[in-house]
Amino acid sequence: QVQVVESGGGLVQAGGSLRLSCAASGSTFSINAIGWYRQAPGKQRDLVAGINSGGNTNYADSVKGRFTISRDNARNTVYLQMNSLKPEDTAVYYCKAVVRGPGPAVDYWGQGTQVTVSS
C-alpha cells in the first residue's frame, strides 16, 4: 500500500510561482512513477508532469518551460515547481503514484490541492 499527500497549493497572481509537494509513504520502494495531474471545473483530469524511477520526466505541452518536476528520494517527495503561472493553470492538482508488480498496475491518488491564479 502507498499513500500520497499533496501540499503547497494556494492563491497566486498571474506571473507568480508555487511549489507543490507530493509526499509518499507506505511501500514507497514499489513506486514506479509519480505524476502530477490537474482538473479544472467541468473538465477532465489531465497529466501535467511525470517522473519515473529512472528519473525520466515528461510534461504536458502547455506547461513545458514553466513547470519542473523533481524528486527527493531521501524524503520520498516529488515536487512540482510552477513558474510564470497563468489563470488557465487554475485547477485542483492531484498526485498519483503508480505501482507495477506481477499483476496490473495500481494507481494511488492523493486528495488534491487547489491552485488558483488570479489575473
Protein backbone atom coordinates (compact mmCIF):
# COMPACT_ATOMS: atom_id res chain seq x y z
CA GLN A 1 0.00 0.00 0.00
CA VAL A 2 1.10 3.52 -0.83
CA GLN A 3 -0.27 6.83 0.37
CA VAL A 4 0.39 10.19 -1.24
CA VAL A 5 -0.41 13.60 0.20
CA GLU A 6 -0.23 16.85 -1.74
CA SER A 7 0.52 20.27 -0.30
CA GLY A 8 1.59 23.70 -1.41
CA GLY A 9 -1.42 24.96 -3.29
CA GLY A 10 -2.82 28.42 -2.86
CA LEU A 11 -3.75 31.70 -4.47
CA VAL A 12 -1.18 33.49 -6.59
CA GLN A 13 -1.21 36.30 -9.12
CA ALA A 14 -0.51 35.67 -12.77
CA GLY A 15 3.22 35.50 -13.37
CA GLY A 16 3.87 34.18 -9.89
CA SER A 17 5.21 30.85 -8.68
CA LEU A 18 4.18 27.99 -6.45
CA ARG A 19 5.82 24.75 -5.46
CA LEU A 20 3.66 21.71 -4.88
CA SER A 21 4.82 18.74 -2.86
CA CYS A 22 3.72 15.13 -3.06
CA ALA A 23 4.82 13.14 -0.04
CA ALA A 24 4.65 9.37 -0.37
CA SER A 25 4.51 6.88 2.47
CA GLY A 26 3.99 3.16 2.90
CA SER A 27 5.62 0.80 0.42
CA THR A 28 7.44 3.59 -1.38
CA PHE A 29 10.05 1.17 -2.72
CA SER A 30 7.34 -0.23 -5.00
CA ILE A 31 6.55 3.08 -6.73
CA ASN A 32 7.48 3.08 -10.41
CA ALA A 33 6.38 6.57 -11.29
CA ILE A 34 4.66 9.64 -9.86
CA GLY A 35 2.63 12.07 -11.86
CA TRP A 36 1.00 15.40 -11.27
CA TYR A 37 -2.45 15.85 -12.76
CA ARG A 38 -4.88 18.72 -12.70
CA GLN A 39 -8.59 19.12 -13.08
CA ALA A 40 -10.41 22.37 -13.67
CA PRO A 41 -14.17 22.65 -13.05
CA GLY A 42 -16.12 20.91 -15.78
CA LYS A 43 -13.01 19.49 -17.40
CA GLN A 44 -11.28 16.13 -17.37
CA ARG A 45 -8.26 15.35 -15.26
CA ASP A 46 -5.11 15.70 -17.35
CA LEU A 47 -1.47 14.83 -16.84
CA VAL A 48 0.73 17.85 -16.12
CA ALA A 49 4.10 16.22 -15.47
CA GLY A 50 5.52 12.84 -14.52
CA ILE A 51 8.74 11.31 -13.30
CA ASN A 52 9.67 7.65 -13.19
CA SER A 53 12.05 5.60 -11.11
CA GLY A 54 14.80 6.19 -13.63
CA GLY A 55 14.42 9.94 -13.28
CA ASN A 56 12.92 10.40 -16.71
CA THR A 57 10.41 13.23 -16.91
CA ASN A 58 7.61 14.24 -19.23
CA TYR A 59 5.44 17.33 -19.42
CA ALA A 60 2.22 18.49 -20.99
CA ASP A 61 2.91 20.91 -23.83
CA SER A 62 1.01 23.64 -22.00
CA VAL A 63 3.50 23.69 -19.10
CA LYS A 64 6.80 22.99 -20.83
CA GLY A 65 9.37 25.60 -19.94
CA ARG A 66 7.31 26.82 -16.97
CA PHE A 67 6.89 23.78 -14.71
CA THR A 68 9.59 21.47 -13.40
CA ILE A 69 9.06 18.13 -11.71
CA SER A 70 11.74 16.79 -9.40
CA ARG A 71 12.13 14.31 -6.59
CA ASP A 72 13.90 13.95 -3.27
CA ASN A 73 14.34 10.23 -2.70
CA ALA A 74 15.51 10.71 0.89
CA ARG A 75 12.21 12.44 1.71
CA ASN A 76 10.05 10.27 -0.57
CA THR A 77 8.73 13.50 -2.03
CA VAL A 78 8.11 14.71 -5.55
CA TYR A 79 7.88 18.42 -6.25
CA LEU A 80 6.23 20.45 -8.96
CA GLN A 81 7.79 23.87 -9.33
CA MET A 82 5.37 26.10 -11.20
CA ASN A 83 6.64 29.39 -12.59
CA SER A 84 5.06 32.04 -14.80
CA LEU A 85 1.64 30.90 -13.71
CA LYS A 86 -1.36 31.78 -15.83
CA PRO A 87 -5.07 31.96 -14.95
CA GLU A 88 -5.61 28.87 -17.09
CA ASP A 89 -3.39 26.92 -14.68
CA THR A 90 -6.16 27.24 -12.08
CA ALA A 91 -7.26 23.75 -11.07
CA VAL A 92 -7.13 21.14 -8.38
CA TYR A 93 -3.75 19.45 -8.65
CA TYR A 94 -3.51 15.76 -7.84
CA CYS A 95 -0.57 13.48 -7.29
CA LYS A 96 -0.68 9.88 -8.47
CA ALA A 97 1.75 7.11 -7.61
CA VAL A 98 1.92 4.11 -9.93
CA VAL A 99 2.91 0.74 -8.58
CA ARG A 100 3.67 -2.06 -11.04
CA GLY A 101 4.05 -5.64 -9.94
CA PRO A 102 3.34 -9.10 -11.29
CA GLY A 103 -0.29 -8.07 -11.76
CA PRO A 104 -1.95 -4.98 -13.21
CA ALA A 105 -0.55 -1.58 -12.25
CA VAL A 106 -2.19 0.08 -9.27
CA ASP A 107 -2.73 3.83 -9.00
CA TYR A 108 -2.74 5.67 -5.69
CA TRP A 109 -4.21 9.18 -5.71
CA GLY A 110 -3.92 11.98 -3.24
CA GLN A 111 -6.77 14.22 -2.17
CA GLY A 112 -5.66 17.15 -4.30
CA THR A 113 -4.57 20.71 -3.62
CA GLN A 114 -6.22 23.81 -5.06
CA VAL A 115 -4.19 26.21 -7.19
CA THR A 116 -5.85 29.49 -8.10
CA VAL A 117 -4.13 32.00 -10.37
CA SER A 118 -5.70 35.44 -10.49
CA SER A 119 -5.37 37.75 -13.47
